């Protein structure tokens, strides 16, 4: 039950952030989307939380296409939900590129 409620809350946050990101298709909006939506499970610094560490060193075994697929389709039998219902393939690729590259600030 708690897992279902967390998933619903997470999806609602994602929808809100995605709507804002669509209004401002900028690098800053992408960073905000990743930090807020991915960070709600993977930790606000992306070092891990409910989900694992998703910083570049931890994702080094993924190529961009595979990571984009994970973002879109989730990982079965884990807490990683599929984002395909609310993200385009282009958005998932931008997220994967950002995660593999890391924060350049």
Foldseek 3Di string as FASTA:
>chain_A
DVLVVVVVVLVVQLLVLVVVCVVPVDPVSLLVNCQRNVCVACNNQQCGHLHHRQAQVVCVVDDLVRQLCCQQPPDPPGSGHHCVVPDDSVSSSVNSVDSNVDDPD
